């Protein structure tokens, strides 16, 4: 298949591009830094610098939309929030406009989202049918998903992936956590009771490949392993995998001062289960946190 990936040089996208080319697909990556695509994604991957380079007669059977400015890393000022929204929702709207002009429409659009869709929900078990709690993260994800779903007007099958904390070597939130934990300075965040719903990157890629292969898959899917854990267990397991103690908790009040509204990303609780993937018979390679962390730490 011919596959277009937006955000293809990112933490998920670069690994996805390499996996797809390994399986014989022709991959094109949309990136603001096209000169870095070959190094990040492999020498056989084509590069586009912008959506304006897409032509109506370009043909892609699958488009995978992962573009978006990092949501974690800078305070959520109003300007930052606008950048986060525009880089997801605005780009998705422009992408669907490109699809509308294509002579041959793609068969499938896989579009990113996140479990932030559900908001902070405490101990509630969350499936794809759960009612969300309104906050910035929910509205961001809801609007992002709505923009992608408009591709259905052009006969495109749309799959939406609500992604949890992605675990793999060399990047993501795990990479941010490693230095303090390796120094023995890690610990739970806040009271540690908040749920963390995670997924290994290899399983995320397998989900996308399943969506490409199975035309019955459509709509929203939670991309999280079947066994979410509390933050206290996550941090304890990470410390054990590193053979370090986890003795220095970060109080919630300190995190709120340091991170502001963005602290909801680390203090909020989403106990998400992949109900639709399980019903589809999808088999996760990594169902337990320790095995996922150990694999990532060997990279």
C-alpha atoms as a PDB file:
ATOM      1  CA  UNK A   1       0.000   0.000   0.000  1.00  0.00           C
ATOM      2  CA  UNK A   2       0.949   3.635  -0.448  1.00  0.00           C
ATOM      3  CA  UNK A   3       0.831   5.229   3.023  1.00  0.00           C
ATOM      4  CA  UNK A   4       1.084   8.898   3.995  1.00  0.00           C
ATOM      5  CA  UNK A   5       2.029   9.697   7.606  1.00  0.00           C
ATOM      6  CA  UNK A   6       1.751  13.180   9.040  1.00  0.00           C
ATOM      7  CA  UNK A   7       3.975  13.712  12.067  1.00  0.00           C
ATOM      8  CA  UNK A   8       6.039  10.817  10.806  1.00  0.00           C
ATOM      9  CA  UNK A   9       9.322  11.896  12.392  1.00  0.00           C
ATOM     10  CA  UNK A  10       7.837  11.801  15.896  1.00  0.00           C
ATOM     11  CA  UNK A  11       8.210   9.188  18.623  1.00  0.00           C
ATOM     12  CA  UNK A  12       5.459   6.943  17.240  1.00  0.00           C
ATOM     13  CA  UNK A  13       5.545   7.988  13.593  1.00  0.00           C
ATOM     14  CA  UNK A  14       9.219   7.246  12.931  1.00  0.00           C
ATOM     15  CA  UNK A  15       8.956   3.708  14.330  1.00  0.00           C
ATOM     16  CA  UNK A  16       5.697   3.183  12.441  1.00  0.00           C
ATOM     17  CA  UNK A  17       7.281   4.306   9.164  1.00  0.00           C
ATOM     18  CA  UNK A  18      10.182   1.900   9.607  1.00  0.00           C
ATOM     19  CA  UNK A  19       7.809  -0.975  10.420  1.00  0.00           C
ATOM     20  CA  UNK A  20       5.581  -0.290   7.414  1.00  0.00           C
ATOM     21  CA  UNK A  21       8.501  -0.119   4.982  1.00  0.00           C
ATOM     22  CA  UNK A  22       9.850  -3.352   6.490  1.00  0.00           C
ATOM     23  CA  UNK A  23       6.507  -4.964   5.630  1.00  0.00           C
ATOM     24  CA  UNK A  24       6.666  -3.775   2.024  1.00  0.00           C
ATOM     25  CA  UNK A  25       4.538  -0.632   2.095  1.00  0.00           C
ATOM     26  CA  UNK A  26       5.557   2.555   0.277  1.00  0.00           C
ATOM     27  CA  UNK A  27       5.680   5.326   2.882  1.00  0.00           C
ATOM     28  CA  UNK A  28       5.641   9.108   2.500  1.00  0.00           C
ATOM     29  CA  UNK A  29       6.136  11.300   5.570  1.00  0.00           C
ATOM     30  CA  UNK A  30       4.887  14.857   5.958  1.00  0.00           C
ATOM     31  CA  UNK A  31       7.356  16.804   8.081  1.00  0.00           C
ATOM     32  CA  UNK A  32       8.317  20.432   8.684  1.00  0.00           C
ATOM     33  CA  UNK A  33      11.919  19.165   8.501  1.00  0.00           C
ATOM     34  CA  UNK A  34      11.914  16.937   5.385  1.00  0.00           C
ATOM     35  CA  UNK A  35      15.713  16.759   5.377  1.00  0.00           C
ATOM     36  CA  UNK A  36      15.514  14.744   8.617  1.00  0.00           C
ATOM     37  CA  UNK A  37      12.997  12.176   7.365  1.00  0.00           C
ATOM     38  CA  UNK A  38      15.522   9.684   5.993  1.00  0.00           C
ATOM     39  CA  UNK A  39      17.513   9.624   9.235  1.00  0.00           C
ATOM     40  CA  UNK A  40      14.416   9.289  11.408  1.00  0.00           C
ATOM     41  CA  UNK A  41      12.307   6.971   9.272  1.00  0.00           C
ATOM     42  CA  UNK A  42      14.647   5.126   6.937  1.00  0.00           C
ATOM     43  CA  UNK A  43      16.238   5.807   3.570  1.00  0.00           C
ATOM     44  CA  UNK A  44      13.352   4.341   1.592  1.00  0.00           C
ATOM     45  CA  UNK A  45      10.806   6.843   2.944  1.00  0.00           C
ATOM     46  CA  UNK A  46       9.742   9.803   0.787  1.00  0.00           C
ATOM     47  CA  UNK A  47       9.335  13.264   2.339  1.00  0.00           C
ATOM     48  CA  UNK A  48       6.857  16.123   1.939  1.00  0.00           C
ATOM     49  CA  UNK A  49       7.436  19.544   3.495  1.00  0.00           C
ATOM     50  CA  UNK A  50       3.769  20.591   3.562  1.00  0.00           C
ATOM     51  CA  UNK A  51       0.212  19.680   2.623  1.00  0.00           C
ATOM     52  CA  UNK A  52       0.394  22.178  -0.243  1.00  0.00           C
ATOM     53  CA  UNK A  53       2.697  19.717  -1.996  1.00  0.00           C
ATOM     54  CA  UNK A  54      -0.083  17.137  -2.210  1.00  0.00           C
ATOM     55  CA  UNK A  55      -1.586  16.966  -5.687  1.00  0.00           C
ATOM     56  CA  UNK A  56      -5.143  15.879  -6.564  1.00  0.00           C
ATOM     57  CA  UNK A  57      -3.793  12.915  -8.533  1.00  0.00           C
ATOM     58  CA  UNK A  58      -1.623  11.642  -5.654  1.00  0.00           C
ATOM     59  CA  UNK A  59      -2.856   8.245  -4.501  1.00  0.00           C
ATOM     60  CA  UNK A  60      -2.585   6.916  -0.955  1.00  0.00           C
ATOM     61  CA  UNK A  61      -4.585   3.909   0.190  1.00  0.00           C
ATOM     62  CA  UNK A  62      -3.945   4.855   3.834  1.00  0.00           C
ATOM     63  CA  UNK A  63      -3.302   8.176   5.598  1.00  0.00           C
ATOM     64  CA  UNK A  64      -2.120   8.106   9.204  1.00  0.00           C
ATOM     65  CA  UNK A  65      -2.470  11.474  10.928  1.00  0.00           C
ATOM     66  CA  UNK A  66      -0.144  11.892  13.921  1.00  0.00           C
ATOM     67  CA  UNK A  67       0.933  15.518  13.605  1.00  0.00           C
ATOM     68  CA  UNK A  68       0.820  17.798  16.631  1.00  0.00           C
ATOM     69  CA  UNK A  69       2.998  20.044  18.752  1.00  0.00           C
ATOM     70  CA  UNK A  70       4.208  18.375  21.987  1.00  0.00           C
ATOM     71  CA  UNK A  71       1.517  18.667  24.640  1.00  0.00           C
ATOM     72  CA  UNK A  72       4.005  18.225  27.475  1.00  0.00           C
ATOM     73  CA  UNK A  73       7.056  20.427  27.773  1.00  0.00           C
ATOM     74  CA  UNK A  74       5.916  24.054  27.997  1.00  0.00           C
ATOM     75  CA  UNK A  75       3.402  25.845  30.217  1.00  0.00           C
ATOM     76  CA  UNK A  76      -0.119  25.990  28.855  1.00  0.00           C
ATOM     77  CA  UNK A  77      -0.317  29.709  28.201  1.00  0.00           C
ATOM     78  CA  UNK A  78      -3.156  30.814  25.937  1.00  0.00           C
ATOM     79  CA  UNK A  79      -0.650  31.072  23.073  1.00  0.00           C
ATOM     80  CA  UNK A  80       0.629  27.554  23.785  1.00  0.00           C
ATOM     81  CA  UNK A  81      -2.897  26.158  23.913  1.00  0.00           C
ATOM     82  CA  UNK A  82      -3.627  27.752  20.542  1.00  0.00           C
ATOM     83  CA  UNK A  83      -0.488  26.202  19.061  1.00  0.00           C
ATOM     84  CA  UNK A  84      -1.429  22.772  20.450  1.00  0.00           C
ATOM     85  CA  UNK A  85      -4.935  23.036  18.992  1.00  0.00           C
ATOM     86  CA  UNK A  86      -3.910  24.438  15.609  1.00  0.00           C
ATOM     87  CA  UNK A  87      -1.186  21.832  15.129  1.00  0.00           C
ATOM     88  CA  UNK A  88      -3.778  19.083  15.578  1.00  0.00           C
ATOM     89  CA  UNK A  89      -7.215  20.354  14.661  1.00  0.00           C
ATOM     90  CA  UNK A  90      -6.157  22.924  12.076  1.00  0.00           C
ATOM     91  CA  UNK A  91      -3.831  20.495  10.323  1.00  0.00           C
ATOM     92  CA  UNK A  92      -6.462  17.740  10.362  1.00  0.00           C
ATOM     93  CA  UNK A  93      -8.998  20.101   8.799  1.00  0.00           C
ATOM     94  CA  UNK A  94      -6.495  20.987   6.064  1.00  0.00           C
ATOM     95  CA  UNK A  95      -5.691  17.309   5.558  1.00  0.00           C
ATOM     96  CA  UNK A  96      -9.363  16.450   5.046  1.00  0.00           C
ATOM     97  CA  UNK A  97      -9.623  19.340   2.592  1.00  0.00           C
ATOM     98  CA  UNK A  98      -6.773  17.715   0.629  1.00  0.00           C
ATOM     99  CA  UNK A  99      -8.641  14.396   0.702  1.00  0.00           C
ATOM    100  CA  UNK A 100     -11.702  16.158  -0.701  1.00  0.00           C
ATOM    101  CA  UNK A 101      -9.629  17.287  -3.715  1.00  0.00           C
ATOM    102  CA  UNK A 102      -8.056  13.892  -4.371  1.00  0.00           C
ATOM    103  CA  UNK A 103      -9.233  12.170  -7.514  1.00  0.00           C
ATOM    104  CA  UNK A 104      -8.880   8.788  -5.821  1.00  0.00           C
ATOM    105  CA  UNK A 105      -9.782   8.958  -2.132  1.00  0.00           C
ATOM    106  CA  UNK A 106      -7.834   6.988   0.467  1.00  0.00           C
ATOM    107  CA  UNK A 107      -9.509   3.867   1.755  1.00  0.00           C
ATOM    108  CA  UNK A 108      -8.584   4.589   5.374  1.00  0.00           C
ATOM    109  CA  UNK A 109      -7.714   7.522   7.603  1.00  0.00           C
ATOM    110  CA  UNK A 110      -6.180   6.605  10.966  1.00  0.00           C
ATOM    111  CA  UNK A 111      -6.166   9.730  13.098  1.00  0.00           C
ATOM    112  CA  UNK A 112      -4.523  10.314  16.440  1.00  0.00           C
ATOM    113  CA  UNK A 113      -6.265  11.234  19.661  1.00  0.00           C
ATOM    114  CA  UNK A 114      -5.494  10.577  23.316  1.00  0.00           C
ATOM    115  CA  UNK A 115      -7.065   9.213  26.481  1.00  0.00           C
ATOM    116  CA  UNK A 116      -7.052  12.821  27.679  1.00  0.00           C
ATOM    117  CA  UNK A 117     -10.427  12.763  25.905  1.00  0.00           C
ATOM    118  CA  UNK A 118     -11.959  11.327  29.092  1.00  0.00           C
ATOM    119  CA  UNK A 119     -10.611  13.952  31.514  1.00  0.00           C
ATOM    120  CA  UNK A 120      -9.771  13.230  35.160  1.00  0.00           C
ATOM    121  CA  UNK A 121     -12.094  10.361  36.161  1.00  0.00           C
ATOM    122  CA  UNK A 122     -10.586   8.890  39.327  1.00  0.00           C
ATOM    123  CA  UNK A 123     -11.151   5.142  39.704  1.00  0.00           C
ATOM    124  CA  UNK A 124     -13.873   4.895  37.041  1.00  0.00           C
ATOM    125  CA  UNK A 125     -13.149   2.219  34.436  1.00  0.00           C
ATOM    126  CA  UNK A 126     -13.280   3.944  31.058  1.00  0.00           C
ATOM    127  CA  UNK A 127     -14.283   2.354  27.769  1.00  0.00           C
ATOM    128  CA  UNK A 128     -14.852   3.955  24.382  1.00  0.00           C
ATOM    129  CA  UNK A 129     -18.478   4.569  25.421  1.00  0.00           C
ATOM    130  CA  UNK A 130     -17.701   6.401  28.686  1.00  0.00           C
ATOM    131  CA  UNK A 131     -18.919   9.934  29.257  1.00  0.00           C
ATOM    132  CA  UNK A 132     -15.989  12.392  29.372  1.00  0.00           C
ATOM    133  CA  UNK A 133     -15.269  15.080  31.938  1.00  0.00           C
ATOM    134  CA  UNK A 134     -14.965  18.523  30.418  1.00  0.00           C
ATOM    135  CA  UNK A 135     -11.515  20.151  30.514  1.00  0.00           C
ATOM    136  CA  UNK A 136      -8.902  21.427  28.040  1.00  0.00           C
ATOM    137  CA  UNK A 137      -7.607  17.955  27.175  1.00  0.00           C
ATOM    138  CA  UNK A 138     -11.099  16.614  26.521  1.00  0.00           C
ATOM    139  CA  UNK A 139     -12.082  19.504  24.275  1.00  0.00           C
ATOM    140  CA  UNK A 140      -8.803  19.257  22.378  1.00  0.00           C
ATOM    141  CA  UNK A 141      -9.282  15.549  21.688  1.00  0.00           C
ATOM    142  CA  UNK A 142     -13.002  15.849  20.937  1.00  0.00           C
ATOM    143  CA  UNK A 143     -12.422  18.599  18.372  1.00  0.00           C
ATOM    144  CA  UNK A 144      -9.477  16.697  16.886  1.00  0.00           C
ATOM    145  CA  UNK A 145     -11.602  13.582  16.451  1.00  0.00           C
ATOM    146  CA  UNK A 146     -14.517  15.564  14.993  1.00  0.00           C
ATOM    147  CA  UNK A 147     -12.231  17.119  12.379  1.00  0.00           C
ATOM    148  CA  UNK A 148     -10.970  13.678  11.322  1.00  0.00           C
ATOM    149  CA  UNK A 149     -14.461  12.161  11.158  1.00  0.00           C
ATOM    150  CA  UNK A 150     -15.479  14.637   8.433  1.00  0.00           C
ATOM    151  CA  UNK A 151     -13.397  12.481   6.049  1.00  0.00           C
ATOM    152  CA  UNK A 152     -16.274   9.990   6.196  1.00  0.00           C
ATOM    153  CA  UNK A 153     -18.250  12.414   4.007  1.00  0.00           C
ATOM    154  CA  UNK A 154     -15.905  11.409   1.168  1.00  0.00           C
ATOM    155  CA  UNK A 155     -16.331   7.669   1.634  1.00  0.00           C
ATOM    156  CA  UNK A 156     -13.194   7.226   3.734  1.00  0.00           C
ATOM    157  CA  UNK A 157     -13.144   4.706   6.575  1.00  0.00           C
ATOM    158  CA  UNK A 158     -11.975   6.537   9.703  1.00  0.00           C
ATOM    159  CA  UNK A 159     -10.328   4.965  12.753  1.00  0.00           C
ATOM    160  CA  UNK A 160      -9.552   7.136  15.780  1.00  0.00           C
ATOM    161  CA  UNK A 161      -6.834   5.998  18.202  1.00  0.00           C
ATOM    162  CA  UNK A 162      -7.106   7.301  21.774  1.00  0.00           C
ATOM    163  CA  UNK A 163      -3.539   6.697  22.881  1.00  0.00           C
ATOM    164  CA  UNK A 164      -2.317   6.283  26.443  1.00  0.00           C
ATOM    165  CA  UNK A 165       1.222   6.714  27.794  1.00  0.00           C
ATOM    166  CA  UNK A 166       3.456   5.200  25.115  1.00  0.00           C
ATOM    167  CA  UNK A 167       6.391   3.141  26.383  1.00  0.00           C
ATOM    168  CA  UNK A 168       9.473   2.516  24.266  1.00  0.00           C
ATOM    169  CA  UNK A 169      13.151   3.285  24.331  1.00  0.00           C
ATOM    170  CA  UNK A 170      14.522   6.631  23.216  1.00  0.00           C
ATOM    171  CA  UNK A 171      11.693   9.074  23.789  1.00  0.00           C
ATOM    172  CA  UNK A 172       8.277   9.892  25.150  1.00  0.00           C
ATOM    173  CA  UNK A 173       7.335  10.609  28.751  1.00  0.00           C
ATOM    174  CA  UNK A 174       9.384   7.632  29.930  1.00  0.00           C
ATOM    175  CA  UNK A 175      12.547   9.316  28.657  1.00  0.00           C
ATOM    176  CA  UNK A 176      11.752  12.396  30.778  1.00  0.00           C
ATOM    177  CA  UNK A 177      11.414  10.205  33.865  1.00  0.00           C
ATOM    178  CA  UNK A 178      14.615   8.209  33.476  1.00  0.00           C
ATOM    179  CA  UNK A 179      17.252  10.645  34.738  1.00  0.00           C
ATOM    180  CA  UNK A 180      15.801  11.245  38.224  1.00  0.00           C
ATOM    181  CA  UNK A 181      14.973   7.547  38.623  1.00  0.00           C
ATOM    182  CA  UNK A 182      18.452   6.479  37.529  1.00  0.00           C
ATOM    183  CA  UNK A 183      19.847   8.856  40.141  1.00  0.00           C
ATOM    184  CA  UNK A 184      17.609   7.308  42.792  1.00  0.00           C
ATOM    185  CA  UNK A 185      15.615  10.538  43.011  1.00  0.00           C
ATOM    186  CA  UNK A 186      12.326   9.258  41.601  1.00  0.00           C
ATOM    187  CA  UNK A 187       9.045   8.628  43.372  1.00  0.00           C
ATOM    188  CA  UNK A 188       5.294   8.799  43.044  1.00  0.00           C
ATOM    189  CA  UNK A 189       3.571  11.930  41.746  1.00  0.00           C
ATOM    190  CA  UNK A 190       1.134  13.463  44.201  1.00  0.00           C
ATOM    191  CA  UNK A 191      -0.545  10.760  46.283  1.00  0.00           C
ATOM    192  CA  UNK A 192       0.243   8.178  43.582  1.00  0.00           C
ATOM    193  CA  UNK A 193      -3.357   6.943  43.415  1.00  0.00           C
ATOM    194  CA  UNK A 194      -4.044   8.281  39.930  1.00  0.00           C
ATOM    195  CA  UNK A 195      -4.331   5.650  37.223  1.00  0.00           C
ATOM    196  CA  UNK A 196      -1.855   5.523  34.350  1.00  0.00           C
ATOM    197  CA  UNK A 197      -3.061   3.794  31.188  1.00  0.00           C
ATOM    198  CA  UNK A 198      -0.054   2.798  29.095  1.00  0.00           C
ATOM    199  CA  UNK A 199       0.818   0.956  25.904  1.00  0.00           C
ATOM    200  CA  UNK A 200       4.058  -0.315  24.416  1.00  0.00           C
ATOM    201  CA  UNK A 201       4.874   1.325  21.091  1.00  0.00           C
ATOM    202  CA  UNK A 202       5.113  -2.040  19.333  1.00  0.00           C
ATOM    203  CA  UNK A 203       1.515  -2.778  20.309  1.00  0.00           C
ATOM    204  CA  UNK A 204       0.427   0.655  19.059  1.00  0.00           C
ATOM    205  CA  UNK A 205       2.037  -0.086  15.698  1.00  0.00           C
ATOM    206  CA  UNK A 206       0.348  -3.504  15.609  1.00  0.00           C
ATOM    207  CA  UNK A 207      -3.022  -1.802  16.204  1.00  0.00           C
ATOM    208  CA  UNK A 208      -2.470   0.522  13.243  1.00  0.00           C
ATOM    209  CA  UNK A 209      -1.480  -2.419  11.062  1.00  0.00           C
ATOM    210  CA  UNK A 210      -4.588  -4.322  12.162  1.00  0.00           C
ATOM    211  CA  UNK A 211      -6.720  -1.345  11.132  1.00  0.00           C
ATOM    212  CA  UNK A 212      -5.049  -1.348   7.721  1.00  0.00           C
ATOM    213  CA  UNK A 213      -5.699  -5.068   7.255  1.00  0.00           C
ATOM    214  CA  UNK A 214      -9.247  -5.301   8.661  1.00  0.00           C
ATOM    215  CA  UNK A 215     -11.870  -3.230   6.846  1.00  0.00           C
ATOM    216  CA  UNK A 216     -14.407  -3.933   9.609  1.00  0.00           C
ATOM    217  CA  UNK A 217     -12.485  -1.738  12.034  1.00  0.00           C
ATOM    218  CA  UNK A 218     -13.981   1.738  12.177  1.00  0.00           C
ATOM    219  CA  UNK A 219     -14.581   4.457  14.762  1.00  0.00           C
ATOM    220  CA  UNK A 220     -12.882   5.021  18.104  1.00  0.00           C
ATOM    221  CA  UNK A 221     -10.450   2.634  19.818  1.00  0.00           C
ATOM    222  CA  UNK A 222      -8.626   2.949  23.123  1.00  0.00           C
ATOM    223  CA  UNK A 223      -4.953   2.217  22.460  1.00  0.00           C
ATOM    224  CA  UNK A 224      -3.976   1.134  25.968  1.00  0.00           C
ATOM    225  CA  UNK A 225      -2.765  -2.150  27.415  1.00  0.00           C
ATOM    226  CA  UNK A 226      -5.450  -4.159  29.264  1.00  0.00           C
ATOM    227  CA  UNK A 227      -3.812  -3.614  32.677  1.00  0.00           C
ATOM    228  CA  UNK A 228      -3.576   0.061  33.702  1.00  0.00           C
ATOM    229  CA  UNK A 229      -1.734   0.749  36.952  1.00  0.00           C
ATOM    230  CA  UNK A 230      -1.749   3.430  39.626  1.00  0.00           C
ATOM    231  CA  UNK A 231       1.084   5.952  39.520  1.00  0.00           C
ATOM    232  CA  UNK A 232       2.540   4.479  42.727  1.00  0.00           C
ATOM    233  CA  UNK A 233       2.824   1.067  41.039  1.00  0.00           C
ATOM    234  CA  UNK A 234       4.205   2.578  37.831  1.00  0.00           C
ATOM    235  CA  UNK A 235       6.959   4.464  39.645  1.00  0.00           C
ATOM    236  CA  UNK A 236       7.755   1.499  41.912  1.00  0.00           C
ATOM    237  CA  UNK A 237       8.009  -0.842  38.914  1.00  0.00           C
ATOM    238  CA  UNK A 238      10.202   1.591  36.981  1.00  0.00           C
ATOM    239  CA  UNK A 239      12.538   1.918  39.968  1.00  0.00           C
ATOM    240  CA  UNK A 240      12.727  -1.867  40.335  1.00  0.00           C
ATOM    241  CA  UNK A 241      13.548  -2.277  36.635  1.00  0.00           C
ATOM    242  CA  UNK A 242      16.376   0.229  37.100  1.00  0.00           C
ATOM    243  CA  UNK A 243      17.473  -1.370  40.406  1.00  0.00           C
ATOM    244  CA  UNK A 244      17.040   1.930  42.172  1.00  0.00           C
ATOM    245  CA  UNK A 245      14.913   3.111  45.119  1.00  0.00           C
ATOM    246  CA  UNK A 246      11.837   5.296  44.598  1.00  0.00           C
ATOM    247  CA  UNK A 247      11.894   7.296  47.797  1.00  0.00           C
ATOM    248  CA  UNK A 248      11.268  10.917  46.782  1.00  0.00           C
ATOM    249  CA  UNK A 249       7.618  11.660  45.951  1.00  0.00           C
ATOM    250  CA  UNK A 250       6.724  14.893  44.184  1.00  0.00           C
ATOM    251  CA  UNK A 251       3.915  16.595  46.162  1.00  0.00           C
ATOM    252  CA  UNK A 252       0.856  17.620  44.148  1.00  0.00           C
ATOM    253  CA  UNK A 253       1.092  21.214  45.381  1.00  0.00           C
ATOM    254  CA  UNK A 254       4.642  21.513  44.049  1.00  0.00           C
ATOM    255  CA  UNK A 255       3.682  20.021  40.673  1.00  0.00           C
ATOM    256  CA  UNK A 256       0.778  22.444  40.360  1.00  0.00           C
ATOM    257  CA  UNK A 257       3.074  25.394  41.030  1.00  0.00           C
ATOM    258  CA  UNK A 258       5.754  24.153  38.624  1.00  0.00           C
ATOM    259  CA  UNK A 259       3.467  22.971  35.822  1.00  0.00           C
ATOM    260  CA  UNK A 260       0.311  25.023  36.239  1.00  0.00           C
ATOM    261  CA  UNK A 261      -2.683  23.670  34.335  1.00  0.00           C
ATOM    262  CA  UNK A 262      -0.391  21.189  32.591  1.00  0.00           C
ATOM    263  CA  UNK A 263      -0.106  19.330  35.930  1.00  0.00           C
ATOM    264  CA  UNK A 264      -3.392  17.602  35.040  1.00  0.00           C
ATOM    265  CA  UNK A 265      -1.340  15.428  32.669  1.00  0.00           C
ATOM    266  CA  UNK A 266       0.543  13.834  35.575  1.00  0.00           C
ATOM    267  CA  UNK A 267      -2.005  14.169  38.394  1.00  0.00           C
ATOM    268  CA  UNK A 268      -5.148  13.352  36.425  1.00  0.00           C
ATOM    269  CA  UNK A 269      -6.488   9.786  36.522  1.00  0.00           C
ATOM    270  CA  UNK A 270      -7.705   7.781  33.529  1.00  0.00           C
ATOM    271  CA  UNK A 271      -8.333   4.082  34.122  1.00  0.00           C
ATOM    272  CA  UNK A 272      -8.796   3.131  30.473  1.00  0.00           C
ATOM    273  CA  UNK A 273      -9.372  -0.335  29.052  1.00  0.00           C
ATOM    274  CA  UNK A 274      -9.255  -1.351  25.348  1.00  0.00           C
ATOM    275  CA  UNK A 275     -12.782  -2.765  25.228  1.00  0.00           C
ATOM    276  CA  UNK A 276     -13.255  -2.555  21.449  1.00  0.00           C
ATOM    277  CA  UNK A 277      -9.831  -4.004  20.635  1.00  0.00           C
ATOM    278  CA  UNK A 278     -10.471  -6.885  23.030  1.00  0.00           C
ATOM    279  CA  UNK A 279     -13.841  -7.548  21.394  1.00  0.00           C
ATOM    280  CA  UNK A 280     -12.046  -7.511  18.020  1.00  0.00           C
ATOM    281  CA  UNK A 281      -9.698 -10.234  19.296  1.00  0.00           C
ATOM    282  CA  UNK A 282      -6.579  -8.068  19.231  1.00  0.00           C
ATOM    283  CA  UNK A 283      -3.676  -9.721  21.074  1.00  0.00           C
ATOM    284  CA  UNK A 284      -1.320  -7.410  22.970  1.00  0.00           C
ATOM    285  CA  UNK A 285       2.324  -8.423  23.059  1.00  0.00           C
ATOM    286  CA  UNK A 286       2.890  -6.416  26.242  1.00  0.00           C
ATOM    287  CA  UNK A 287       0.133  -6.795  28.824  1.00  0.00           C
ATOM    288  CA  UNK A 288       2.238  -6.303  31.956  1.00  0.00           C
ATOM    289  CA  UNK A 289       4.056  -3.081  32.788  1.00  0.00           C
ATOM    290  CA  UNK A 290       7.325  -4.699  33.939  1.00  0.00           C
ATOM    291  CA  UNK A 291       7.875  -6.520  30.641  1.00  0.00           C
ATOM    292  CA  UNK A 292       7.111  -3.352  28.659  1.00  0.00           C
ATOM    293  CA  UNK A 293       9.524  -1.266  30.756  1.00  0.00           C
ATOM    294  CA  UNK A 294      12.258  -3.892  30.635  1.00  0.00           C
ATOM    295  CA  UNK A 295      12.060  -4.040  26.842  1.00  0.00           C
ATOM    296  CA  UNK A 296      12.177  -0.250  26.571  1.00  0.00           C
ATOM    297  CA  UNK A 297      15.126   0.038  28.945  1.00  0.00           C
ATOM    298  CA  UNK A 298      17.224  -2.404  26.926  1.00  0.00           C
ATOM    299  CA  UNK A 299      17.015  -0.069  23.895  1.00  0.00           C
END
